[in-house]
Amino acid sequence: MEYGTVVVARLLYGAVAWCGFTTAVERQRIEEFVHHGVRAGYRSADEPTAAQLVEDSDDQLFRRAQYNNCHVLQSLLPNRRTYSHALRDG
């Protein structure tokens, strides 16, 4: 099995929920853990860091909640604003 599909996926599974509660030391340990995969040859060095992966997961969750009217988190978001522009006089 691939390192990214097993180890990194497990690490990121609930990262959106718990990452905000971590300290700087804990986040550094997570980065070191992910970087260990680079040193061991399981990951390439140009792949995203753990912080970037967590941020991408968070953005993806927000987009899903924002654009899916049936999403369970949709009710927690503010109402969408609608804009109408009148570009011509008259």
C-alpha atoms as a PDB file:
ATOM      1  CA  MET A   1       0.000   0.000   0.000  1.00  0.00           C
ATOM      2  CA  GLU A   2       1.066   3.514  -0.590  1.00  0.00           C
ATOM      3  CA  TYR A   3       2.220   5.738   2.240  1.00  0.00           C
ATOM      4  CA  GLY A   4      -0.051   8.573   1.080  1.00  0.00           C
ATOM      5  CA  THR A   5      -3.174   6.489   0.843  1.00  0.00           C
ATOM      6  CA  VAL A   6      -2.784   4.863   4.232  1.00  0.00           C
ATOM      7  CA  VAL A   7      -0.706   6.924   6.643  1.00  0.00           C
ATOM      8  CA  VAL A   8      -1.420  10.435   5.403  1.00  0.00           C
ATOM      9  CA  ALA A   9      -5.101   9.657   4.822  1.00  0.00           C
ATOM     10  CA  ARG A  10      -5.436   8.361   8.377  1.00  0.00           C
ATOM     11  CA  LEU A  11      -3.691  11.419   9.713  1.00  0.00           C
ATOM     12  CA  LEU A  12      -5.938  13.788   7.777  1.00  0.00           C
ATOM     13  CA  TYR A  13      -9.196  11.919   8.373  1.00  0.00           C
ATOM     14  CA  GLY A  14     -10.268  14.035  11.329  1.00  0.00           C
ATOM     15  CA  ALA A  15      -7.662  16.771  11.058  1.00  0.00           C
ATOM     16  CA  VAL A  16     -10.206  19.468  10.272  1.00  0.00           C
ATOM     17  CA  ALA A  17     -11.902  18.760  13.593  1.00  0.00           C
ATOM     18  CA  TRP A  18      -8.872  18.481  15.876  1.00  0.00           C
ATOM     19  CA  CYS A  19      -6.166  20.583  14.236  1.00  0.00           C
ATOM     20  CA  GLY A  20      -7.405  23.821  15.776  1.00  0.00           C
ATOM     21  CA  PHE A  21      -6.844  22.378  19.235  1.00  0.00           C
ATOM     22  CA  THR A  22      -3.190  21.446  18.688  1.00  0.00           C
ATOM     23  CA  THR A  23      -0.240  23.360  20.019  1.00  0.00           C
ATOM     24  CA  ALA A  24       2.715  24.491  17.928  1.00  0.00           C
ATOM     25  CA  VAL A  25       4.795  21.650  19.352  1.00  0.00           C
ATOM     26  CA  GLU A  26       2.171  19.072  18.370  1.00  0.00           C
ATOM     27  CA  ARG A  27       1.885  20.505  14.857  1.00  0.00           C
ATOM     28  CA  GLN A  28       5.674  20.337  14.530  1.00  0.00           C
ATOM     29  CA  ARG A  29       5.612  16.672  15.577  1.00  0.00           C
ATOM     30  CA  ILE A  30       2.984  15.974  12.910  1.00  0.00           C
ATOM     31  CA  GLU A  31       5.143  17.717  10.301  1.00  0.00           C
ATOM     32  CA  GLU A  32       8.134  15.632  11.395  1.00  0.00           C
ATOM     33  CA  PHE A  33       6.046  12.474  11.152  1.00  0.00           C
ATOM     34  CA  VAL A  34       4.970  13.285   7.608  1.00  0.00           C
ATOM     35  CA  HIS A  35       8.533  14.297   6.700  1.00  0.00           C
ATOM     36  CA  HIS A  36       9.738  10.936   7.998  1.00  0.00           C
ATOM     37  CA  GLY A  37       7.942   9.424   5.007  1.00  0.00           C
ATOM     38  CA  VAL A  38      10.138  11.591   2.763  1.00  0.00           C
ATOM     39  CA  ARG A  39      13.318  10.436   4.498  1.00  0.00           C
ATOM     40  CA  ALA A  40      12.194   6.815   4.286  1.00  0.00           C
ATOM     41  CA  GLY A  41      11.497   7.193   0.564  1.00  0.00           C
ATOM     42  CA  TYR A  42       7.727   6.702   0.782  1.00  0.00           C
ATOM     43  CA  ARG A  43       6.920  10.279  -0.250  1.00  0.00           C
ATOM     44  CA  SER A  44       8.597  12.757  -2.542  1.00  0.00           C
ATOM     45  CA  ALA A  45       9.943  15.987  -1.079  1.00  0.00           C
ATOM     46  CA  ASP A  46       7.822  18.164  -3.358  1.00  0.00           C
ATOM     47  CA  GLU A  47       4.522  16.885  -1.979  1.00  0.00           C
ATOM     48  CA  PRO A  48       2.523  19.227   0.290  1.00  0.00           C
ATOM     49  CA  THR A  49       3.296  19.543   3.983  1.00  0.00           C
ATOM     50  CA  ALA A  50       0.885  18.370   6.653  1.00  0.00           C
ATOM     51  CA  ALA A  51      -0.243  21.962   7.281  1.00  0.00           C
ATOM     52  CA  GLN A  52      -1.007  22.432   3.585  1.00  0.00           C
ATOM     53  CA  LEU A  53      -2.907  19.140   3.455  1.00  0.00           C
ATOM     54  CA  VAL A  54      -4.997  20.102   6.494  1.00  0.00           C
ATOM     55  CA  GLU A  55      -5.720  23.529   5.020  1.00  0.00           C
ATOM     56  CA  ASP A  56      -6.784  21.943   1.723  1.00  0.00           C
ATOM     57  CA  SER A  57      -9.086  19.540   3.599  1.00  0.00           C
ATOM     58  CA  ASP A  58     -10.585  22.431   5.531  1.00  0.00           C
ATOM     59  CA  ASP A  59     -11.174  24.429   2.340  1.00  0.00           C
ATOM     60  CA  GLN A  60     -12.751  21.415   0.672  1.00  0.00           C
ATOM     61  CA  LEU A  61     -15.117  20.873   3.619  1.00  0.00           C
ATOM     62  CA  PHE A  62     -16.111  24.548   3.592  1.00  0.00           C
ATOM     63  CA  ARG A  63     -16.809  24.487  -0.168  1.00  0.00           C
ATOM     64  CA  ARG A  64     -18.942  21.385   0.229  1.00  0.00           C
ATOM     65  CA  ALA A  65     -20.954  22.991   3.007  1.00  0.00           C
ATOM     66  CA  GLN A  66     -21.232  26.275   1.144  1.00  0.00           C
ATOM     67  CA  TYR A  67     -22.496  24.954  -2.181  1.00  0.00           C
ATOM     68  CA  ASN A  68     -24.531  21.926  -1.109  1.00  0.00           C
ATOM     69  CA  ASN A  69     -27.928  23.009   0.223  1.00  0.00           C
ATOM     70  CA  CYS A  70     -28.449  19.561   1.792  1.00  0.00           C
ATOM     71  CA  HIS A  71     -25.170  19.608   3.730  1.00  0.00           C
ATOM     72  CA  VAL A  72     -25.590  19.314   7.493  1.00  0.00           C
ATOM     73  CA  LEU A  73     -23.398  22.407   8.093  1.00  0.00           C
ATOM     74  CA  GLN A  74     -25.324  24.577   5.604  1.00  0.00           C
ATOM     75  CA  SER A  75     -27.616  25.931   8.323  1.00  0.00           C
ATOM     76  CA  LEU A  76     -24.625  27.321  10.237  1.00  0.00           C
ATOM     77  CA  LEU A  77     -23.537  29.564   7.368  1.00  0.00           C
ATOM     78  CA  PRO A  78     -24.924  33.082   6.852  1.00  0.00           C
ATOM     79  CA  ASN A  79     -27.470  33.611   4.090  1.00  0.00           C
ATOM     80  CA  ARG A  80     -26.060  34.272   0.644  1.00  0.00           C
ATOM     81  CA  ARG A  81     -26.220  37.794  -0.632  1.00  0.00           C
ATOM     82  CA  THR A  82     -27.619  38.398  -4.070  1.00  0.00           C
ATOM     83  CA  TYR A  83     -26.392  41.317  -6.076  1.00  0.00           C
ATOM     84  CA  SER A  84     -27.987  42.881  -9.090  1.00  0.00           C
ATOM     85  CA  HIS A  85     -26.090  45.406 -11.119  1.00  0.00           C
ATOM     86  CA  ALA A  86     -27.680  47.941 -13.397  1.00  0.00           C
ATOM     87  CA  LEU A  87     -24.895  48.778 -15.820  1.00  0.00           C
ATOM     88  CA  ARG A  88     -27.002  50.941 -18.147  1.00  0.00           C
ATOM     89  CA  ASP A  89     -28.836  54.134 -17.378  1.00  0.00           C
ATOM     90  CA  GLY A  90     -32.388  54.375 -18.407  1.00  0.00           C
END
